C-alpha atoms as a PDB file:
ATOM      1  CA  MET A   1       8.980  20.211  -8.600  1.00  0.00           C
ATOM      2  CA  LYS A   2       5.577  18.793  -9.727  1.00  0.00           C
ATOM      3  CA  LYS A   3       3.156  21.208 -10.238  1.00  0.00           C
ATOM      4  CA  GLN A   4       0.355  19.283 -12.294  1.00  0.00           C
ATOM      5  CA  PHE A   5      -1.497  16.392 -10.711  1.00  0.00           C
ATOM      6  CA  ILE A   6      -3.708  13.710 -12.137  1.00  0.00           C
ATOM      7  CA  ASP A   7      -6.818  14.872 -10.376  1.00  0.00           C
ATOM      8  CA  GLU A   8      -6.658  18.354 -11.747  1.00  0.00           C
ATOM      9  CA  ILE A   9      -6.537  17.390 -15.320  1.00  0.00           C
ATOM     10  CA  ALA A  10      -9.569  18.216 -17.355  1.00  0.00           C
ATOM     11  CA  GLU A  11     -10.341  17.501 -21.132  1.00  0.00           C
ATOM     12  CA  GLY A  12      -8.459  19.963 -23.390  1.00  0.00           C
ATOM     13  CA  ASP A  13      -5.700  20.780 -20.823  1.00  0.00           C
ATOM     14  CA  ALA A  14      -2.062  21.204 -22.202  1.00  0.00           C
ATOM     15  CA  VAL A  15      -0.247  18.552 -19.883  1.00  0.00           C
ATOM     16  CA  ASN A  16       3.442  19.566 -18.906  1.00  0.00           C
ATOM     17  CA  SER A  17       4.214  17.490 -15.617  1.00  0.00           C
ATOM     18  CA  MET A  18       6.130  14.699 -14.202  1.00  0.00           C
ATOM     19  CA  PHE A  19       4.470  11.133 -13.821  1.00  0.00           C
ATOM     20  CA  ALA A  20       5.519   7.790 -12.414  1.00  0.00           C
ATOM     21  CA  VAL A  21       5.166   5.062 -14.995  1.00  0.00           C
ATOM     22  CA  LYS A  22       2.990   2.365 -13.342  1.00  0.00           C
ATOM     23  CA  PHE A  23       3.244  -0.031 -16.598  1.00  0.00           C
ATOM     24  CA  LYS A  24       3.496   0.211 -20.163  1.00  0.00           C
ATOM     25  CA  LYS A  25       2.183  -1.664 -23.368  1.00  0.00           C
ATOM     26  CA  PRO A  26       4.180  -2.165 -26.260  1.00  0.00           C
ATOM     27  CA  PRO A  27       3.720  -0.699 -29.612  1.00  0.00           C
ATOM     28  CA  ARG A  28       0.979  -1.913 -32.184  1.00  0.00           C
ATOM     29  CA  LYS A  29      -0.064  -1.144 -35.578  1.00  0.00           C
ATOM     30  CA  TYR A  30      -2.616   1.353 -36.492  1.00  0.00           C
ATOM     31  CA  LYS A  31      -4.277   2.883 -39.770  1.00  0.00           C
ATOM     32  CA  ASN A  32      -6.588   5.494 -40.270  1.00  0.00           C
ATOM     33  CA  LYS A  33      -7.405   7.779 -43.401  1.00  0.00           C
ATOM     34  CA  SER A  34      -4.817  10.211 -42.666  1.00  0.00           C
ATOM     35  CA  LYS A  35      -1.944   8.154 -41.647  1.00  0.00           C
ATOM     36  CA  GLU A  36      -0.411   5.063 -40.397  1.00  0.00           C
ATOM     37  CA  GLY A  37       1.939   3.726 -37.921  1.00  0.00           C
ATOM     38  CA  GLU A  38       2.323   2.385 -34.586  1.00  0.00           C
ATOM     39  CA  TRP A  39       1.156   3.605 -30.904  1.00  0.00           C
ATOM     40  CA  PHE A  40       2.039   2.476 -27.331  1.00  0.00           C
ATOM     41  CA  GLU A  41       0.473   3.293 -24.044  1.00  0.00           C
ATOM     42  CA  LEU A  42       1.788   4.142 -20.655  1.00  0.00           C
ATOM     43  CA  ARG A  43      -0.198   4.097 -17.535  1.00  0.00           C
ATOM     44  CA  LEU A  44       0.904   6.992 -15.252  1.00  0.00           C
ATOM     45  CA  THR A  45       0.264   7.770 -11.795  1.00  0.00           C
ATOM     46  CA  ASP A  46       0.882  10.228  -9.058  1.00  0.00           C
ATOM     47  CA  LYS A  47      -0.400  10.642  -5.221  1.00  0.00           C
ATOM     48  CA  THR A  48      -3.917  11.693  -6.428  1.00  0.00           C
ATOM     49  CA  GLY A  49      -4.511   8.887  -9.167  1.00  0.00           C
ATOM     50  CA  GLU A  50      -3.711   7.232 -12.526  1.00  0.00           C
ATOM     51  CA  ILE A  51      -4.307   8.173 -15.958  1.00  0.00           C
ATOM     52  CA  THR A  52      -3.420   6.635 -19.441  1.00  0.00           C
ATOM     53  CA  ALA A  53      -1.310   8.374 -21.960  1.00  0.00           C
ATOM     54  CA  LYS A  54      -0.981   7.071 -25.731  1.00  0.00           C
ATOM     55  CA  TYR A  55       1.590   8.098 -28.219  1.00  0.00           C
ATOM     56  CA  TRP A  56       0.646   7.933 -31.975  1.00  0.00           C
ATOM     57  CA  GLY A  57       3.692   7.756 -34.264  1.00  0.00           C
ATOM     58  CA  ASP A  58       4.000   7.646 -37.753  1.00  0.00           C
ATOM     59  CA  ASP A  59       7.840   6.821 -37.578  1.00  0.00           C
ATOM     60  CA  VAL A  60       8.168   3.270 -36.492  1.00  0.00           C
ATOM     61  CA  ILE A  61      11.715   3.441 -35.686  1.00  0.00           C
ATOM     62  CA  TYR A  62      11.351   6.612 -33.507  1.00  0.00           C
ATOM     63  CA  THR A  63       8.351   5.240 -31.717  1.00  0.00           C
ATOM     64  CA  ASN A  64      10.000   2.006 -30.712  1.00  0.00           C
ATOM     65  CA  LYS A  65      12.939   4.032 -29.542  1.00  0.00           C
ATOM     66  CA  LEU A  66      10.668   6.337 -27.440  1.00  0.00           C
ATOM     67  CA  TYR A  67       8.799   3.401 -26.062  1.00  0.00           C
ATOM     68  CA  LYS A  68      12.076   1.872 -24.991  1.00  0.00           C
ATOM     69  CA  SER A  69      13.387   4.797 -23.515  1.00  0.00           C
ATOM     70  CA  VAL A  70      11.207   4.679 -20.341  1.00  0.00           C
ATOM     71  CA  ASP A  71      10.681   1.414 -18.042  1.00  0.00           C
ATOM     72  CA  LYS A  72       8.014   0.536 -15.331  1.00  0.00           C
ATOM     73  CA  GLY A  73       8.701   2.567 -11.988  1.00  0.00           C
ATOM     74  CA  ASP A  74      10.601   5.568 -13.893  1.00  0.00           C
ATOM     75  CA  VAL A  75       9.535   9.119 -13.284  1.00  0.00           C
ATOM     76  CA  ILE A  76       9.117  10.838 -16.584  1.00  0.00           C
ATOM     77  CA  PHE A  77       8.315  14.341 -17.819  1.00  0.00           C
ATOM     78  CA  LEU A  78       5.440  14.296 -20.247  1.00  0.00           C
ATOM     79  CA  ARG A  79       4.124  16.883 -22.719  1.00  0.00           C
ATOM     80  CA  GLY A  80       0.730  16.357 -24.216  1.00  0.00           C
ATOM     81  CA  ARG A  81      -3.051  17.154 -24.364  1.00  0.00           C
ATOM     82  CA  ALA A  82      -5.990  15.826 -22.350  1.00  0.00           C
ATOM     83  CA  VAL A  83      -8.754  14.400 -24.311  1.00  0.00           C
ATOM     84  CA  ALA A  84     -12.113  12.668 -23.696  1.00  0.00           C
ATOM     85  CA  TYR A  85     -11.925   8.752 -23.978  1.00  0.00           C
ATOM     86  CA  GLY A  86     -14.991   6.708 -23.114  1.00  0.00           C
ATOM     87  CA  ASP A  87     -16.213   7.908 -19.645  1.00  0.00           C
ATOM     88  CA  GLY A  88     -12.848   9.290 -18.753  1.00  0.00           C
ATOM     89  CA  ILE A  89      -9.680  11.518 -19.602  1.00  0.00           C
ATOM     90  CA  GLU A  90      -6.523  10.214 -21.284  1.00  0.00           C
ATOM     91  CA  ILE A  91      -3.281  11.855 -22.654  1.00  0.00           C
ATOM     92  CA  VAL A  92      -2.056  12.102 -26.128  1.00  0.00           C
ATOM     93  CA  ILE A  93       1.606  12.349 -26.135  1.00  0.00           C
ATOM     94  CA  GLU A  94       3.372  14.807 -28.297  1.00  0.00           C
ATOM     95  CA  LYS A  95       6.326  14.048 -30.209  1.00  0.00           C
ATOM     96  CA  GLU A  96       9.533  14.055 -28.150  1.00  0.00           C
ATOM     97  CA  GLY A  97       6.888  14.426 -25.401  1.00  0.00           C
ATOM     98  CA  VAL A  98       8.546  12.114 -23.181  1.00  0.00           C
ATOM     99  CA  ARG A  99      11.796  12.447 -21.089  1.00  0.00           C
ATOM    100  CA  LYS A 100      13.078  10.193 -18.143  1.00  0.00           C
ATOM    101  CA  CYS A 101      13.890  12.268 -15.191  1.00  0.00           C
ATOM    102  CA  SER A 102      16.849  11.832 -12.721  1.00  0.00           C
ATOM    103  CA  PRO A 103      15.899  11.219  -9.064  1.00  0.00           C
ATOM    104  CA  ASP A 104      17.254  14.865  -7.944  1.00  0.00           C
ATOM    105  CA  GLU A 105      14.601  16.296 -10.178  1.00  0.00           C
ATOM    106  CA  TYR A 106      11.569  14.860  -7.993  1.00  0.00           C
ATOM    107  CA  ASP A 107      10.253  14.065  -4.737  1.00  0.00           C
ATOM    108  CA  THR A 108       8.931  10.495  -4.460  1.00  0.00           C
ATOM    109  CA  THR A 109       6.093  11.884  -2.070  1.00  0.00           C
ATOM    110  CA  ASP A 110       4.479  13.653  -5.202  1.00  0.00           C
ATOM    111  CA  PHE A 111       3.935   9.880  -6.671  1.00  0.00           C
ATOM    112  CA  ALA A 112       3.238   7.757  -3.580  1.00  0.00           C
ATOM    113  CA  GLU A 113       0.680   8.978  -1.126  1.00  0.00           C
ATOM    114  CA  VAL A 114       2.034   9.566   2.576  1.00  0.00           C
ATOM    115  CA  CYS A 115       0.055   8.953   5.628  1.00  0.00           C
ATOM    116  CA  SER A 116      -1.470  12.601   6.800  1.00  0.00           C
ATOM    117  CA  LYS A 117      -0.431  11.749  10.237  1.00  0.00           C
ATOM    118  CA  ASP A 118       3.139  12.388  11.661  1.00  0.00           C
ATOM    119  CA  ILE A 119       5.202   9.129  11.023  1.00  0.00           C
ATOM    120  CA  ASN A 120       7.569  10.236  13.789  1.00  0.00           C
ATOM    121  CA  GLU A 121       4.925  10.638  16.222  1.00  0.00           C
ATOM    122  CA  MET A 122       2.986   7.481  15.474  1.00  0.00           C
ATOM    123  CA  MET A 123       6.530   5.404  15.877  1.00  0.00           C
ATOM    124  CA  SER A 124       6.953   6.958  19.341  1.00  0.00           C
ATOM    125  CA  GLN A 125       3.327   6.015  20.506  1.00  0.00           C
ATOM    126  CA  LEU A 126       4.157   2.544  19.362  1.00  0.00           C
ATOM    127  CA  MET A 127       7.258   2.252  21.183  1.00  0.00           C
ATOM    128  CA  GLU A 128       5.502   3.289  24.232  1.00  0.00           C
ATOM    129  CA  ILE A 129       3.079   0.336  23.734  1.00  0.00           C
ATOM    130  CA  ILE A 130       5.908  -1.850  23.364  1.00  0.00           C
ATOM    131  CA  GLU A 131       7.477  -0.591  26.794  1.00  0.00           C
ATOM    132  CA  SER A 132       4.261  -1.416  28.452  1.00  0.00           C
ATOM    133  CA  THR A 133       4.655  -5.002  27.712  1.00  0.00           C
ATOM    134  CA  GLU A 134       6.489  -7.642  30.052  1.00  0.00           C
ATOM    135  CA  GLU A 135       9.376 -10.015  29.133  1.00  0.00           C
ATOM    136  CA  PRO A 136       9.977 -11.937  27.131  1.00  0.00           C
ATOM    137  CA  TYR A 137       7.820 -10.141  24.654  1.00  0.00           C
ATOM    138  CA  LYS A 138       9.461  -6.894  25.171  1.00  0.00           C
ATOM    139  CA  SER A 139      12.578  -8.049  24.070  1.00  0.00           C
ATOM    140  CA  LEU A 140      11.177  -9.770  21.012  1.00  0.00           C
ATOM    141  CA  LEU A 141       9.338  -6.438  20.124  1.00  0.00           C
ATOM    142  CA  LEU A 142      12.557  -4.392  20.638  1.00  0.00           C
ATOM    143  CA  SER A 143      14.647  -6.888  18.658  1.00  0.00           C
ATOM    144  CA  PHE A 144      12.471  -5.955  15.807  1.00  0.00           C
ATOM    145  CA  PHE A 145      12.278  -2.161  16.135  1.00  0.00           C
ATOM    146  CA  LYS A 146      15.543  -1.442  17.361  1.00  0.00           C
ATOM    147  CA  ASP A 147      16.739  -2.805  14.220  1.00  0.00           C
ATOM    148  CA  GLU A 148      17.276   0.140  11.993  1.00  0.00           C
ATOM    149  CA  ASP A 149      16.598  -1.488   8.719  1.00  0.00           C
ATOM    150  CA  PHE A 150      13.278  -3.165   9.950  1.00  0.00           C
ATOM    151  CA  ALA A 151      12.155  -0.039  11.495  1.00  0.00           C
ATOM    152  CA  GLU A 152      12.877   2.122   8.436  1.00  0.00           C
ATOM    153  CA  LYS A 153      10.881  -0.440   6.149  1.00  0.00           C
ATOM    154  CA  PHE A 154       7.988  -0.584   8.763  1.00  0.00           C
ATOM    155  CA  ARG A 155       7.692   3.177   8.762  1.00  0.00           C
ATOM    156  CA  ARG A 156       7.364   3.449   4.882  1.00  0.00           C
ATOM    157  CA  ALA A 157       5.182   0.246   4.266  1.00  0.00           C
ATOM    158  CA  PRO A 158       1.703   0.186   3.237  1.00  0.00           C
ATOM    159  CA  ALA A 159      -0.905  -1.831   4.904  1.00  0.00           C
ATOM    160  CA  ALA A 160      -2.509  -2.833   1.599  1.00  0.00           C
ATOM    161  CA  MET A 161      -2.213  -1.647  -2.134  1.00  0.00           C
ATOM    162  CA  HIS A 162      -5.808  -0.325  -2.612  1.00  0.00           C
ATOM    163  CA  ARG A 163      -8.348  -0.935   0.170  1.00  0.00           C
ATOM    164  CA  HIS A 164      -7.205   0.538   3.471  1.00  0.00           C
ATOM    165  CA  HIS A 165      -4.024   2.560   4.676  1.00  0.00           C
ATOM    166  CA  SER A 166      -2.604   2.086   1.144  1.00  0.00           C
ATOM    167  CA  TYR A 167      -0.046   4.686   1.435  1.00  0.00           C
ATOM    168  CA  ILE A 168       3.584   5.259   2.719  1.00  0.00           C
ATOM    169  CA  GLY A 169       3.174   4.950   6.610  1.00  0.00           C
ATOM    170  CA  GLY A 170      -0.008   2.972   6.240  1.00  0.00           C
ATOM    171  CA  LEU A 171       1.160   0.042   8.000  1.00  0.00           C
ATOM    172  CA  LEU A 172       2.480   1.983  11.061  1.00  0.00           C
ATOM    173  CA  GLU A 173      -0.985   3.787  11.511  1.00  0.00           C
ATOM    174  CA  HIS A 174      -2.709   0.759  10.986  1.00  0.00           C
ATOM    175  CA  THR A 175      -0.727  -1.490  13.389  1.00  0.00           C
ATOM    176  CA  LEU A 176      -0.921   1.463  16.169  1.00  0.00           C
ATOM    177  CA  ASN A 177      -4.525   1.378  15.660  1.00  0.00           C
ATOM    178  CA  VAL A 178      -4.911  -2.429  16.028  1.00  0.00           C
ATOM    179  CA  ALA A 179      -2.690  -2.208  19.107  1.00  0.00           C
ATOM    180  CA  ARG A 180      -4.918   0.499  20.634  1.00  0.00           C
ATOM    181  CA  ILE A 181      -8.119  -1.292  19.794  1.00  0.00           C
ATOM    182  CA  CYS A 182      -6.601  -4.127  21.902  1.00  0.00           C
ATOM    183  CA  GLN A 183      -5.657  -2.430  24.794  1.00  0.00           C
ATOM    184  CA  ARG A 184      -9.052  -1.043  24.963  1.00  0.00           C
ATOM    185  CA  VAL A 185     -10.496  -4.278  24.863  1.00  0.00           C
ATOM    186  CA  TYR A 186      -8.142  -5.647  27.540  1.00  0.00           C
ATOM    187  CA  GLU A 187      -9.712  -2.717  29.665  1.00  0.00           C
ATOM    188  CA  LEU A 188     -12.962  -4.598  29.326  1.00  0.00           C
ATOM    189  CA  HIS A 189     -11.688  -8.130  29.745  1.00  0.00           C
ATOM    190  CA  ASN A 190      -8.599  -8.216  31.939  1.00  0.00           C
ATOM    191  CA  GLU A 191      -8.568 -12.050  31.808  1.00  0.00           C
ATOM    192  CA  LEU A 192      -6.815 -11.592  28.802  1.00  0.00           C
ATOM    193  CA  ASP A 193      -3.028 -11.867  28.675  1.00  0.00           C
ATOM    194  CA  TYR A 194      -2.078  -8.267  27.723  1.00  0.00           C
ATOM    195  CA  SER A 195       1.622  -8.928  26.709  1.00  0.00           C
ATOM    196  CA  LEU A 196       0.529 -11.517  24.367  1.00  0.00           C
ATOM    197  CA  LEU A 197      -2.520  -9.642  23.052  1.00  0.00           C
ATOM    198  CA  VAL A 198      -0.441  -6.326  22.227  1.00  0.00           C
ATOM    199  CA  THR A 199       2.580  -8.118  20.957  1.00  0.00           C
ATOM    200  CA  GLY A 200       0.197 -10.260  18.626  1.00  0.00           C
ATOM    201  CA  ALA A 201      -1.162  -6.904  17.373  1.00  0.00           C
ATOM    202  CA  ILE A 202       1.971  -5.214  16.410  1.00  0.00           C
ATOM    203  CA  LEU A 203       3.505  -8.472  14.911  1.00  0.00           C
ATOM    204  CA  HIS A 204       0.388  -9.346  13.130  1.00  0.00           C
ATOM    205  CA  ASP A 205       1.371  -7.828   9.652  1.00  0.00           C
ATOM    206  CA  ILE A 206       5.172  -7.523   9.738  1.00  0.00           C
ATOM    207  CA  GLY A 207       5.349  -9.413   6.474  1.00  0.00           C
ATOM    208  CA  LYS A 208       4.011  -6.679   4.762  1.00  0.00           C
ATOM    209  CA  ILE A 209       7.216  -5.032   5.001  1.00  0.00           C
ATOM    210  CA  ARG A 210       8.486  -7.683   2.330  1.00  0.00           C
ATOM    211  CA  GLU A 211       5.200  -8.246   0.624  1.00  0.00           C
ATOM    212  CA  PHE A 212       5.154  -4.647  -0.985  1.00  0.00           C
ATOM    213  CA  ASP A 213       7.779  -2.655  -3.041  1.00  0.00           C
ATOM    214  CA  VAL A 214       7.624   1.020  -2.038  1.00  0.00           C
ATOM    215  CA  GLY A 215       9.268   3.621  -4.497  1.00  0.00           C
ATOM    216  CA  THR A 216       7.230   5.798  -6.941  1.00  0.00           C
ATOM    217  CA  SER A 217       4.337   3.386  -6.552  1.00  0.00           C
ATOM    218  CA  ILE A 218       3.269   0.731  -4.390  1.00  0.00           C
ATOM    219  CA  GLU A 219       3.665  -2.760  -6.135  1.00  0.00           C
ATOM    220  CA  MET A 220       3.335  -6.309  -4.770  1.00  0.00           C
ATOM    221  CA  SER A 221       6.670  -7.913  -4.640  1.00  0.00           C
ATOM    222  CA  GLU A 222       7.593 -11.403  -6.066  1.00  0.00           C
ATOM    223  CA  GLU A 223       7.989 -12.751  -2.770  1.00  0.00           C
ATOM    224  CA  GLY A 224       4.631 -11.205  -1.487  1.00  0.00           C
ATOM    225  CA  MET A 225       2.807 -12.606  -4.723  1.00  0.00           C
ATOM    226  CA  LEU A 226       4.045 -15.893  -4.373  1.00  0.00           C
ATOM    227  CA  ILE A 227       4.039 -16.323  -0.346  1.00  0.00           C
ATOM    228  CA  GLY A 228       2.091 -13.489   1.084  1.00  0.00           C
ATOM    229  CA  HIS A 229       2.447 -11.580   4.117  1.00  0.00           C
ATOM    230  CA  ILE A 230       1.173 -14.107   6.765  1.00  0.00           C
ATOM    231  CA  THR A 231       3.797 -16.756   5.707  1.00  0.00           C
ATOM    232  CA  ILE A 232       6.651 -13.946   5.491  1.00  0.00           C
ATOM    233  CA  GLY A 233       5.541 -12.898   8.799  1.00  0.00           C
ATOM    234  CA  VAL A 234       5.766 -16.165  10.553  1.00  0.00           C
ATOM    235  CA  GLN A 235       9.114 -16.476   8.991  1.00  0.00           C
ATOM    236  CA  MET A 236      10.372 -13.346  10.228  1.00  0.00           C
ATOM    237  CA  LEU A 237       8.971 -14.209  13.878  1.00  0.00           C
ATOM    238  CA  MET A 238      10.810 -17.627  13.859  1.00  0.00           C
ATOM    239  CA  GLU A 239      14.169 -15.992  12.599  1.00  0.00           C
ATOM    240  CA  ARG A 240      13.928 -13.501  15.177  1.00  0.00           C
ATOM    241  CA  ILE A 241      13.059 -15.678  17.948  1.00  0.00           C
ATOM    242  CA  LYS A 242      16.079 -17.581  17.434  1.00  0.00           C
ATOM    243  CA  THR A 243      18.337 -14.694  18.469  1.00  0.00           C
ATOM    244  CA  ILE A 244      16.691 -14.745  21.818  1.00  0.00           C
ATOM    245  CA  GLU A 245      18.161 -17.130  24.120  1.00  0.00           C
ATOM    246  CA  ASN A 246      15.674 -19.413  25.918  1.00  0.00           C
ATOM    247  CA  PHE A 247      12.711 -17.867  24.547  1.00  0.00           C
ATOM    248  CA  PRO A 248       9.656 -19.882  25.586  1.00  0.00           C
ATOM    249  CA  GLU A 249       8.250 -22.338  23.297  1.00  0.00           C
ATOM    250  CA  ARG A 250       4.639 -22.033  23.927  1.00  0.00           C
ATOM    251  CA  ILE A 251       4.639 -18.197  23.605  1.00  0.00           C
ATOM    252  CA  LYS A 252       6.565 -18.794  20.224  1.00  0.00           C
ATOM    253  CA  TRP A 253       3.852 -20.964  18.983  1.00  0.00           C
ATOM    254  CA  LYS A 254       0.964 -18.623  20.380  1.00  0.00           C
ATOM    255  CA  LEU A 255       2.395 -15.492  18.615  1.00  0.00           C
ATOM    256  CA  ALA A 256       2.803 -17.357  15.569  1.00  0.00           C
ATOM    257  CA  HIS A 257      -0.716 -18.561  15.778  1.00  0.00           C
ATOM    258  CA  ILE A 258      -1.975 -15.014  16.128  1.00  0.00           C
ATOM    259  CA  ILE A 259      -0.126 -14.211  12.755  1.00  0.00           C
ATOM    260  CA  LEU A 260      -1.469 -17.146  10.996  1.00  0.00           C
ATOM    261  CA  SER A 261      -5.061 -16.562  12.011  1.00  0.00           C
ATOM    262  CA  HIS A 262      -5.590 -12.891  12.029  1.00  0.00           C
ATOM    263  CA  HIS A 263      -7.671 -12.906   8.786  1.00  0.00           C
ATOM    264  CA  GLY A 264     -10.090 -15.095  10.916  1.00  0.00           C
ATOM    265  CA  LYS A 265     -11.283 -17.862   8.377  1.00  0.00           C
ATOM    266  CA  ASN A 266      -9.443 -19.937   5.729  1.00  0.00           C
ATOM    267  CA  GLU A 267     -11.443 -18.534   3.010  1.00  0.00           C
ATOM    268  CA  TYR A 268     -10.221 -15.150   3.909  1.00  0.00           C
ATOM    269  CA  GLY A 269      -6.500 -16.115   3.632  1.00  0.00           C
ATOM    270  CA  SER A 270      -5.630 -17.466   7.066  1.00  0.00           C
ATOM    271  CA  PRO A 271      -4.222 -20.960   7.415  1.00  0.00           C
ATOM    272  CA  LYS A 272      -5.718 -21.217  10.794  1.00  0.00           C
ATOM    273  CA  ILE A 273      -8.759 -19.886  12.509  1.00  0.00           C
ATOM    274  CA  PRO A 274      -8.418 -18.302  15.980  1.00  0.00           C
ATOM    275  CA  GLN A 275      -8.217 -20.940  18.478  1.00  0.00           C
ATOM    276  CA  PHE A 276      -7.790 -18.683  21.846  1.00  0.00           C
ATOM    277  CA  PRO A 277      -9.273 -15.192  23.027  1.00  0.00           C
ATOM    278  CA  GLU A 278      -6.176 -13.117  22.406  1.00  0.00           C
ATOM    279  CA  ALA A 279      -5.947 -14.439  18.791  1.00  0.00           C
ATOM    280  CA  HIS A 280      -9.881 -13.536  18.269  1.00  0.00           C
ATOM    281  CA  VAL A 281      -9.221 -10.147  19.726  1.00  0.00           C
ATOM    282  CA  VAL A 282      -6.329  -9.265  17.001  1.00  0.00           C
ATOM    283  CA  TYR A 283      -8.579 -10.765  14.416  1.00  0.00           C
ATOM    284  CA  PHE A 284     -11.641  -8.573  14.961  1.00  0.00           C
ATOM    285  CA  ALA A 285      -9.293  -5.424  15.827  1.00  0.00           C
ATOM    286  CA  ASP A 286      -7.480  -6.002  12.549  1.00  0.00           C
ATOM    287  CA  ASP A 287     -10.813  -6.450  10.537  1.00  0.00           C
ATOM    288  CA  MET A 288     -12.587  -3.682  12.419  1.00  0.00           C
ATOM    289  CA  ASP A 289      -9.690  -1.040  11.661  1.00  0.00           C
ATOM    290  CA  ALA A 290      -9.575  -2.012   8.211  1.00  0.00           C
ATOM    291  CA  LYS A 291     -12.990  -1.656   7.283  1.00  0.00           C
ATOM    292  CA  VAL A 292     -13.425   1.448   9.024  1.00  0.00           C
ATOM    293  CA  ASP A 293     -10.944   2.798   7.209  1.00  0.00           C
ATOM    294  CA  TYR A 294     -12.019   1.478   3.800  1.00  0.00           C
ATOM    295  CA  THR A 295     -15.656   2.862   4.309  1.00  0.00           C
ATOM    296  CA  ILE A 296     -14.420   6.257   5.522  1.00  0.00           C
ATOM    297  CA  ASN A 297     -12.229   6.699   2.328  1.00  0.00           C
ATOM    298  CA  LEU A 298     -15.457   5.285   0.139  1.00  0.00           C
ATOM    299  CA  LYS A 299     -17.585   7.917   1.447  1.00  0.00           C
ATOM    300  CA  GLU A 300     -14.895  10.815   1.322  1.00  0.00           C
ATOM    301  CA  ARG A 301     -14.247   9.841  -2.337  1.00  0.00           C
ATOM    302  CA  ALA A 302     -17.712   9.289  -3.434  1.00  0.00           C
ATOM    303  CA  GLU A 303     -18.663  11.774  -6.366  1.00  0.00           C
ATOM    304  CA  THR A 304     -22.313  11.873  -6.248  1.00  0.00           C
ATOM    305  CA  GLU A 305     -24.928  13.781  -4.818  1.00  0.00           C
ATOM    306  CA  ASP A 306     -27.244  10.486  -4.345  1.00  0.00           C
ATOM    307  CA  LEU A 307     -27.885   9.320  -0.691  1.00  0.00           C
ATOM    308  CA  TRP A 308     -25.574   6.076  -0.944  1.00  0.00           C
ATOM    309  CA  ILE A 309     -23.153   4.322  -2.952  1.00  0.00           C
ATOM    310  CA  TRP A 310     -23.057   0.294  -3.384  1.00  0.00           C
ATOM    311  CA  LYS A 311     -19.971  -1.940  -3.566  1.00  0.00           C
ATOM    312  CA  ARG A 312     -19.998  -5.505  -3.907  1.00  0.00           C
ATOM    313  CA  ASP A 313     -17.682  -6.340  -0.968  1.00  0.00           C
ATOM    314  CA  VAL A 314     -19.378  -4.065   1.645  1.00  0.00           C
ATOM    315  CA  GLY A 315     -22.808  -3.332   0.312  1.00  0.00           C
ATOM    316  CA  HIS A 316     -24.655   0.023   0.464  1.00  0.00           C
ATOM    317  CA  ILE A 317     -22.593   3.074   2.127  1.00  0.00           C
ATOM    318  CA  TYR A 318     -24.746   5.953   3.490  1.00  0.00           C
ATOM    319  CA  LEU A 319     -23.441   9.365   2.241  1.00  0.00           C
ATOM    320  CA  LYS A 320     -25.287  11.806   4.479  1.00  0.00           C
END
């Protein structure tokens, strides 16, 4: 069981704990007054943050052997000492201070952050919203969420890598929030098509179950990097609709449009901009939930006694 976390490590601490390897940089030569050899770098993560660890070896053969013994995505047990470097802390690895761990030695939730809300309860609440829709929307939604493989991936997926809901269960939490916001908007504007609106909200980010790879860390998949969740989501929608007999053509295109337009603008990554009211509502609901979560996180994690912080993408955040 992991007992030492990255956010607890201070200068001078002995480090004896498990970490996930986010990436590694190959050995390079070094030379100083006392010795020469090769060194390599590991970027380590757990659910509390990231830290760099470096191994400085005078035995080139051993250094390369140690480097090759671990790969990106591995969980390793590491021994070393925390030292000051620049404005932060890094770990100097001891000789024979790296060992690859087997899966039965660790809990993946120690490395990838998990949503603080109950995932089963959120899924039940989402299913209640699905049951509130009319046909053919309900059949389409159930074809996704009664599919055990899809449902399990949806439960585990993050909504993003960094900005908002960037943890296991984040996609479910974000989707539930967006659907609820859309329900509230419908209460004010009941001229909207409720089932179209809610179905679009629930499906708008489904491509993210394939955009990200979730293991001991959250990484962009090759498919996600090359195609992106919007295109993937439309592909998934079209594939699923083919399995439903006589699914209305116009509803198919309107749902596809909601997925394609939910970032709102071409420069924000949407191939289309919203062209009907329900698409506008999903766009604004998605944007609002993402920005609220992001700014709450910035405020909670600010390490300053100042009245505000400033971020290029959102401007000033007042902290009091």
